[in-house]
Amino acid sequence: MNNKIYTYGKQTITAADIKAVVKVLKSDFLTQGPAVQAFEEAICAYTGASFAVAVANGTAALHLAALAAGVAEGVEAITSPITFVASSNCVLYCGGTVNFADIESDTACIDPLEIERQITDRTKVLIPVHFAGQPCDMEQIALIARKHNLTVIEDAAHAIGTSYKGSKTGDCTYSDMTIFSFHPVKTITTGEGGVITTNDEKLYKKLTLLRTHGITKDQTELTRNDGPWYYEMHLLGYNYRMSDIQAALGISQLQRLEEFVTRRREIVEMYHDQLTGDDRFGFLRERDGAVSAFHLCPLIINFNIVKKNKTLIFNELKEAGLHLQVHYIPVHMQPYYQNMGFRRGEYPRAEAYYDSAVSLPLYPLLKDSDIKRIVKIVRKVIR
């Protein structure tokens, strides 16, 4: 009997990754040091961005990007309701106000038309979320931002390795900043970790200050200089530094990013080939001009013809070895946001997506035989 358990995501760690981390453990630097700088340079080389700031995790990246963008009391930012709560929480951390714009039904990414509809006099920042690795319609979002003089922060936590109209996500062609996350379920991992990319040197300098308590030792920035030990705190910053241990793993993983993306795309194609044509199932559309890294592969269940409810299906899939997840509970439906005044019914496309979606297993370690078994279980359970 096959008792193999499949989760929706899993890291891929090799002997080369372990060797890279051990090398740092034997070095003079464990916390932020030369490996962090090397990782930032590697991210710039891959994405084409001018600057990169490595931080402790993706949430820290969002927080610092929001601060650098000027989010504060009286400032409103718009993001998607289909995302992890960090995409909107980062605005609240800064004292700002959150608003949401509904998604495109066929991509689950934020709808530019809905963004335009939600903009107010207080709106200063847009945080489009590249959901599941699928890029948002950044060309249209950039046009909206220029029209209304808005700062754009791309939440690319799912999208390292994604391309849009020939542009690598993270090169900031259509934005002021882009953030990535390197949690173990993401396309590459540093254990925990994140990066902010930008082409704006002023933003870069502010981000590096904010990352380390707002402290600088740059002699050109000091108000005075008491000696070689001297430093000054210029901003109220945070301890959001990445360690050299994490960065070493990131450098090693980044070398296999294209390999990971290729395999993820092969797996998604197999799911599509084996489940498309069955009226019970559907998938999100890959945007024209996009090459998605596919962090997630959401399966859309047609509950108009499926007799079981989602809870029963979820439990039966787990019993059969598929330990899946739903991405995501719309943020505006969370109790904390309900207490802020948001209500179910405000973003109907996001809610319809949530009611019908479940994320299939998607990680490079899956073999073709695993995909066939997963599909067999899905067909058997979802009736």
Protein backbone atom coordinates (compact mmCIF):
# COMPACT_ATOMS: atom_id res chain seq x y z
CA MET A 1 0.00 0.00 0.00
CA ASN A 2 1.29 3.47 -0.91
CA ASN A 3 1.14 5.66 2.19
CA LYS A 4 3.08 8.55 0.65
CA ILE A 5 2.04 11.98 1.91
CA TYR A 6 1.98 14.96 -0.45
CA THR A 7 1.93 18.56 0.80
CA TYR A 8 1.20 21.62 -1.33
CA GLY A 9 4.84 22.80 -1.16
CA LYS A 10 8.28 21.67 -0.02
CA GLN A 11 11.89 22.88 -0.22
CA THR A 12 14.50 21.19 -2.42
CA ILE A 13 17.83 21.00 -0.56
CA THR A 14 20.95 19.43 -2.09
CA ALA A 15 24.45 18.56 -0.93
CA ALA A 16 25.65 21.77 -2.62
CA ASP A 17 23.27 23.83 -0.48
CA ILE A 18 24.49 22.12 2.69
CA LYS A 19 28.13 22.63 1.69
CA ALA A 20 27.50 26.35 1.10
CA VAL A 21 25.95 26.77 4.56
CA VAL A 22 28.67 24.77 6.29
CA LYS A 23 31.31 26.96 4.65
CA VAL A 24 29.74 30.01 6.30
CA LEU A 25 29.46 28.21 9.64
CA LYS A 26 33.22 27.71 9.51
CA SER A 27 33.88 31.34 8.56
CA ASP A 28 34.26 34.50 10.67
CA PHE A 29 30.77 35.76 9.74
CA LEU A 30 27.45 34.23 10.78
CA THR A 31 25.20 37.29 10.77
CA GLN A 32 25.14 39.98 8.07
CA GLY A 33 28.47 39.88 6.25
CA PRO A 34 30.04 39.20 2.83
CA ALA A 35 27.58 36.42 1.91
CA VAL A 36 24.64 38.84 2.28
CA GLN A 37 26.32 41.33 -0.04
CA ALA A 38 27.07 38.53 -2.51
CA PHE A 39 23.44 37.39 -2.39
CA GLU A 40 22.20 40.92 -3.04
CA GLU A 41 24.55 41.20 -6.00
CA ALA A 42 23.34 37.85 -7.33
CA ILE A 43 19.70 38.98 -7.04
CA CYS A 44 20.53 42.16 -8.98
CA ALA A 45 22.35 40.15 -11.65
CA TYR A 46 19.39 37.80 -12.03
CA THR A 47 16.55 40.34 -12.00
CA GLY A 48 18.30 43.27 -13.65
CA ALA A 49 17.54 45.62 -10.75
CA SER A 50 20.12 48.24 -9.75
CA PHE A 51 19.88 47.59 -6.00
CA ALA A 52 18.81 44.81 -3.64
CA VAL A 53 18.38 44.84 0.14
CA ALA A 54 18.27 41.42 1.83
CA VAL A 55 16.14 41.17 4.97
CA ALA A 56 14.91 38.66 7.55
CA ASN A 57 11.73 37.58 5.74
CA GLY A 58 9.16 38.64 3.16
CA THR A 59 7.02 40.42 5.74
CA ALA A 60 10.00 42.54 6.80
CA ALA A 61 10.55 43.34 3.13
CA LEU A 62 6.96 44.55 2.79
CA HIS A 63 7.18 46.59 5.99
CA LEU A 64 10.38 48.36 4.98
CA ALA A 65 9.12 48.96 1.43
CA ALA A 66 5.93 50.52 2.81
CA LEU A 67 7.95 52.75 5.17
CA ALA A 68 10.29 53.79 2.36
CA ALA A 69 7.25 54.59 0.19
CA GLY A 70 6.02 57.01 2.84
CA VAL A 71 3.12 55.02 4.24
CA ALA A 72 2.07 56.68 7.50
CA GLU A 73 -1.02 57.96 9.28
CA GLY A 74 -3.43 59.44 6.75
CA VAL A 75 -1.90 57.52 3.82
CA GLU A 76 -3.92 54.84 2.06
CA ALA A 77 -2.56 51.82 0.16
CA ILE A 78 -4.51 49.46 -2.08
CA THR A 79 -3.75 45.76 -2.37
CA SER A 80 -5.47 42.49 -3.27
CA PRO A 81 -7.79 40.59 -0.91
CA ILE A 82 -6.40 37.28 -2.26
CA THR A 83 -3.02 37.23 -0.58
CA PHE A 84 -1.35 36.42 2.72
CA VAL A 85 -2.20 38.97 5.41
CA ALA A 86 1.32 40.46 5.32
CA SER A 87 0.52 42.29 2.07
CA SER A 88 -1.96 44.50 3.91
CA ASN A 89 -0.58 44.25 7.45
CA CYS A 90 2.57 46.06 6.33
CA VAL A 91 0.44 49.15 5.72
CA LEU A 92 -1.05 48.96 9.22
CA TYR A 93 2.44 48.56 10.75
CA CYS A 94 3.22 52.03 9.35
CA GLY A 95 0.01 53.59 10.66
CA GLY A 96 -1.57 53.74 7.21
CA THR A 97 -5.01 52.75 5.97
CA VAL A 98 -5.68 49.64 3.85
CA ASN A 99 -8.12 49.34 0.99
CA PHE A 100 -8.64 46.42 -1.36
CA ALA A 101 -9.42 46.05 -5.05
CA ASP A 102 -11.12 42.90 -6.32
CA ILE A 103 -9.33 40.32 -8.46
CA GLU A 104 -9.56 39.20 -12.07
CA SER A 105 -11.62 36.00 -12.03
CA ASP A 106 -9.39 34.19 -14.52
CA THR A 107 -5.97 34.98 -12.96
CA ALA A 108 -6.79 35.72 -9.26
CA CYS A 109 -4.51 38.78 -9.56
CA ILE A 110 -5.67 42.28 -8.66
CA ASP A 111 -7.83 43.89 -11.38
CA PRO A 112 -6.47 47.26 -12.65
CA LEU A 113 -10.03 48.45 -13.33
CA GLU A 114 -10.93 47.77 -9.71
CA ILE A 115 -7.80 49.62 -8.54
CA GLU A 116 -8.91 52.68 -10.50
CA ARG A 117 -12.36 52.42 -8.94
CA GLN A 118 -10.98 52.29 -5.39
CA ILE A 119 -8.52 55.21 -5.58
CA THR A 120 -9.26 58.13 -3.26
CA ASP A 121 -7.51 61.40 -2.46
CA ARG A 122 -5.62 59.58 0.32
CA THR A 123 -4.33 56.77 -1.91
CA LYS A 124 -0.57 57.04 -2.30
CA VAL A 125 0.64 53.43 -2.69
CA LEU A 126 -0.34 50.36 -4.72
CA ILE A 127 0.73 46.86 -3.68
CA PRO A 128 -0.18 44.48 -6.52
CA VAL A 129 0.31 40.80 -5.58
CA HIS A 130 1.71 38.39 -8.17
CA PHE A 131 -0.53 35.59 -6.98
CA ALA A 132 0.72 32.00 -7.35
CA GLY A 133 3.68 33.30 -9.39
CA GLN A 134 1.38 34.84 -11.99
CA PRO A 135 2.34 38.46 -12.73
CA CYS A 136 -0.30 41.15 -12.43
CA ASP A 137 -1.11 43.37 -15.41
CA MET A 138 1.78 45.63 -14.48
CA GLU A 139 1.69 47.71 -17.64
CA GLN A 140 -1.82 48.92 -16.81
CA ILE A 141 -1.01 49.29 -13.13
CA ALA A 142 2.03 51.44 -13.97
CA LEU A 143 -0.17 53.67 -16.16
CA ILE A 144 -2.64 54.10 -13.29
CA ALA A 145 0.21 54.89 -10.89
CA ARG A 146 1.64 57.58 -13.17
CA LYS A 147 -1.80 59.10 -13.71
CA HIS A 148 -2.42 59.41 -9.95
CA ASN A 149 1.21 59.90 -8.82
CA LEU A 150 1.27 56.66 -6.80
CA THR A 151 4.20 54.57 -5.56
CA VAL A 152 4.08 50.91 -6.67
CA ILE A 153 5.43 48.05 -4.54
CA GLU A 154 5.26 44.71 -6.33
CA ASP A 155 4.53 41.90 -3.88
CA ALA A 156 6.42 39.16 -5.72
CA ALA A 157 6.65 36.83 -2.72
CA HIS A 158 5.40 34.09 -5.09
CA ALA A 159 7.17 35.24 -8.22
CA ILE A 160 10.97 34.91 -8.17
CA GLY A 161 11.75 33.56 -11.64
CA THR A 162 8.61 34.96 -13.29
CA SER A 163 8.76 37.09 -16.46
CA TYR A 164 6.30 39.62 -17.85
CA LYS A 165 6.53 40.98 -21.40
CA GLY A 166 10.19 40.02 -21.57
CA SER A 167 10.98 41.67 -18.24
CA LYS A 168 12.12 39.71 -15.19
CA THR A 169 9.94 40.25 -12.14
CA GLY A 170 12.07 42.27 -9.77
CA ASP A 171 13.69 44.54 -12.36
CA CYS A 172 11.21 47.27 -11.31
CA THR A 173 10.38 48.26 -14.89
CA TYR A 174 6.81 48.91 -13.79
CA SER A 175 7.31 49.73 -10.10
CA ASP A 176 9.35 51.59 -7.52
CA MET A 177 10.17 48.49 -5.47
CA THR A 178 9.66 44.72 -5.65
CA ILE A 179 9.74 42.34 -2.70
CA PHE A 180 10.52 38.61 -2.68
CA SER A 181 10.08 35.94 -0.01
CA PHE A 182 12.31 32.90 0.49
CA HIS A 183 10.20 30.82 2.89
CA PRO A 184 10.79 27.06 2.40
CA VAL A 185 7.65 26.59 0.26
CA LYS A 186 8.74 29.30 -2.19
CA THR A 187 10.58 28.60 -5.47
CA ILE A 188 13.96 29.15 -3.78
CA THR A 189 14.55 29.30 -0.04
CA THR A 190 16.90 30.82 2.49
CA GLY A 191 15.01 29.15 5.37
CA GLU A 192 13.43 32.49 6.19
CA GLY A 193 14.36 35.59 4.27
CA GLY A 194 13.33 38.27 1.83
CA VAL A 195 14.71 40.87 -0.56
CA ILE A 196 13.62 44.30 -1.78
CA THR A 197 14.81 45.39 -5.23
CA THR A 198 14.72 48.93 -6.60
CA ASN A 199 16.33 51.15 -9.21
CA ASP A 200 16.04 54.26 -7.02
CA GLU A 201 19.23 55.02 -5.07
CA LYS A 202 17.40 57.20 -2.53
CA LEU A 203 14.98 54.37 -1.74
CA TYR A 204 17.91 51.94 -1.54
CA LYS A 205 19.74 54.08 1.02
CA LYS A 206 16.59 54.50 3.09
CA LEU A 207 15.92 50.76 3.02
CA THR A 208 19.44 49.90 4.18
CA LEU A 209 19.07 52.35 7.07
CA LEU A 210 15.67 50.99 8.07
CA ARG A 211 16.99 47.42 7.97
CA THR A 212 19.55 48.09 10.72
CA HIS A 213 17.97 50.24 13.44
CA GLY A 214 18.25 53.39 11.28
CA ILE A 215 22.00 53.40 12.01
CA THR A 216 24.78 54.50 9.66
CA LYS A 217 28.58 54.54 9.85
CA ASP A 218 28.91 56.20 6.44
CA GLN A 219 31.23 59.16 7.08
CA THR A 220 29.54 61.22 4.37
CA GLU A 221 26.22 60.95 6.24
CA LEU A 222 27.41 61.66 9.80
CA THR A 223 26.61 64.95 11.54
CA ARG A 224 29.97 64.68 13.33
CA ASN A 225 32.68 62.03 13.73
CA ASP A 226 34.10 61.17 17.15
CA GLY A 227 36.37 58.45 15.77
CA PRO A 228 36.49 55.09 13.91
CA TRP A 229 33.98 53.55 16.35
CA TYR A 230 31.38 56.23 15.76
CA TYR A 231 27.90 55.64 14.33
CA GLU A 232 24.65 57.58 14.28
CA MET A 233 20.97 56.66 14.30
CA HIS A 234 19.13 58.77 11.73
CA LEU A 235 15.79 56.92 11.50
CA LEU A 236 13.68 54.72 13.74
CA GLY A 237 14.66 51.44 12.11
CA TYR A 238 14.42 47.74 12.83
CA ASN A 239 16.62 44.68 13.19
CA TYR A 240 15.54 43.06 9.93
CA ARG A 241 18.95 41.83 8.82
CA MET A 242 19.51 38.58 6.94
CA SER A 243 22.29 36.31 8.19
CA ASP A 244 25.22 35.06 6.12
CA ILE A 245 23.95 31.53 6.81
CA GLN A 246 20.67 32.33 5.06
CA ALA A 247 22.42 34.23 2.26
CA ALA A 248 24.78 31.33 1.53
CA LEU A 249 21.78 29.03 1.07
CA GLY A 250 20.13 31.66 -1.13
CA ILE A 251 23.18 31.98 -3.40
CA SER A 252 23.29 28.23 -3.84
CA GLN A 253 19.55 27.96 -4.50
CA LEU A 254 19.57 30.86 -6.95
CA GLN A 255 21.94 28.90 -9.19
CA ARG A 256 19.14 26.33 -9.71
CA LEU A 257 16.25 28.77 -10.00
CA GLU A 258 15.70 28.24 -13.73
CA GLU A 259 15.77 24.47 -13.19
CA PHE A 260 13.15 24.80 -10.45
CA VAL A 261 10.92 27.02 -12.61
CA THR A 262 11.14 24.61 -15.53
CA ARG A 263 10.09 21.67 -13.38
CA ARG A 264 7.25 23.61 -11.76
CA ARG A 265 5.92 24.54 -15.19
CA GLU A 266 6.14 20.90 -16.32
CA ILE A 267 4.13 19.79 -13.28
CA VAL A 268 1.45 22.43 -13.85
CA GLU A 269 1.21 21.39 -17.49
CA MET A 270 0.70 17.76 -16.42
CA TYR A 271 -2.12 18.77 -14.08
CA HIS A 272 -3.74 20.74 -16.88
CA ASP A 273 -3.36 17.92 -19.40
CA GLN A 274 -4.83 15.33 -17.06
CA LEU A 275 -7.68 17.35 -15.53
CA THR A 276 -8.73 19.83 -18.24
CA GLY A 277 -11.86 18.68 -20.05
CA ASP A 278 -13.44 17.35 -16.87
CA ASP A 279 -16.29 19.71 -16.00
CA ARG A 280 -15.58 19.30 -12.29
CA PHE A 281 -12.26 21.12 -12.56
CA GLY A 282 -10.73 24.34 -13.82
CA PHE A 283 -7.49 26.31 -13.58
CA LEU A 284 -6.38 29.93 -13.58
CA ARG A 285 -5.29 31.38 -16.92
CA GLU A 286 -1.65 32.28 -17.49
CA ARG A 287 -1.56 35.90 -18.61
CA ASP A 288 -0.60 36.64 -22.21
CA GLY A 289 3.03 37.73 -22.36
CA ALA A 290 3.81 36.11 -18.99
CA VAL A 291 6.00 33.17 -18.03
CA SER A 292 4.93 32.26 -14.51
CA ALA A 293 7.26 30.57 -12.02
CA PHE A 294 4.12 28.91 -10.55
CA HIS A 295 4.57 28.98 -6.80
CA LEU A 296 1.06 27.52 -6.55
CA CYS A 297 -1.25 25.47 -8.76
CA PRO A 298 -4.79 26.26 -7.59
CA LEU A 299 -7.45 23.79 -8.70
CA ILE A 300 -10.87 25.40 -9.19
CA ILE A 301 -13.68 23.03 -8.21
CA ASN A 302 -17.07 23.39 -9.90
CA PHE A 303 -19.42 23.00 -6.94
CA ASN A 304 -22.42 23.37 -9.24
CA ILE A 305 -21.89 19.74 -10.25
CA VAL A 306 -19.76 18.37 -7.38
CA LYS A 307 -22.02 16.96 -4.67
CA LYS A 308 -19.60 17.07 -1.72
CA ASN A 309 -18.84 20.31 0.12
CA LYS A 310 -15.33 21.73 0.36
CA THR A 311 -14.76 20.69 3.98
CA LEU A 312 -15.62 17.06 3.24
CA ILE A 313 -13.44 17.08 0.14
CA PHE A 314 -10.52 18.59 2.04
CA ASN A 315 -10.74 15.98 4.80
CA GLU A 316 -11.08 13.07 2.37
CA LEU A 317 -8.11 14.28 0.34
CA LYS A 318 -6.06 14.38 3.54
CA GLU A 319 -7.08 10.83 4.42
CA ALA A 320 -5.93 9.77 0.96
CA GLY A 321 -2.51 11.40 1.45
CA LEU A 322 -2.99 14.89 -0.01
CA HIS A 323 -2.28 17.42 2.76
CA LEU A 324 -3.29 20.50 0.83
CA GLN A 325 -4.04 24.15 1.60
CA VAL A 326 -6.32 26.93 0.42
CA HIS A 327 -4.61 30.14 -0.76
CA TYR A 328 -6.04 32.32 0.61
CA ILE A 329 -8.84 33.22 2.95
CA PRO A 330 -9.63 36.71 1.61
CA VAL A 331 -7.97 39.22 3.93
CA HIS A 332 -11.13 41.31 4.32
CA MET A 333 -12.88 38.24 5.79
CA GLN A 334 -10.39 37.91 8.65
CA PRO A 335 -11.87 38.90 12.05
CA TYR A 336 -9.27 41.65 12.55
CA TYR A 337 -10.25 43.28 9.25
CA GLN A 338 -13.94 42.70 9.88
CA ASN A 339 -13.47 44.73 13.07
CA MET A 340 -12.06 47.51 10.87
CA GLY A 341 -15.34 47.59 8.94
CA PHE A 342 -14.75 45.28 5.97
CA ARG A 343 -17.59 42.89 5.16
CA ARG A 344 -18.16 39.74 3.15
CA GLY A 345 -19.76 40.66 -0.17
CA GLU A 346 -17.50 43.66 -0.87
CA TYR A 347 -15.14 41.74 -3.17
CA PRO A 348 -17.31 39.04 -4.78
CA ARG A 349 -14.72 37.68 -7.21
CA ALA A 350 -12.17 37.14 -4.44
CA GLU A 351 -14.81 35.40 -2.34
CA ALA A 352 -15.96 33.19 -5.23
CA TYR A 353 -12.35 32.19 -5.86
CA TYR A 354 -11.82 31.30 -2.20
CA ASP A 355 -15.01 29.23 -2.10
CA SER A 356 -13.87 27.09 -5.04
CA ALA A 357 -10.06 26.81 -4.88
CA VAL A 358 -7.61 24.32 -3.38
CA SER A 359 -3.84 24.30 -4.03
CA LEU A 360 -2.45 21.10 -5.55
CA PRO A 361 1.02 19.77 -4.61
CA LEU A 362 3.71 21.67 -6.52
CA TYR A 363 7.44 21.28 -5.89
CA PRO A 364 10.39 20.02 -7.97
CA LEU A 365 10.84 16.79 -5.99
CA LEU A 366 7.54 15.47 -7.38
CA LYS A 367 8.00 12.76 -10.02
CA ASP A 368 5.72 12.19 -13.00
CA SER A 369 4.42 9.07 -11.21
CA ASP A 370 3.52 11.24 -8.20
CA ILE A 371 1.46 13.56 -10.39
CA LYS A 372 -0.45 10.60 -11.84
CA ARG A 373 -1.19 9.32 -8.34
CA ILE A 374 -2.28 12.78 -7.14
CA VAL A 375 -4.61 13.18 -10.13
CA LYS A 376 -6.08 9.73 -9.49
CA ILE A 377 -6.83 10.67 -5.86
CA VAL A 378 -8.35 14.03 -6.90
CA ARG A 379 -10.65 12.34 -9.46
CA LYS A 380 -11.73 9.72 -6.96
CA VAL A 381 -12.43 12.08 -4.04
CA ILE A 382 -13.93 15.12 -5.76
CA ARG A 383 -17.36 13.92 -6.91
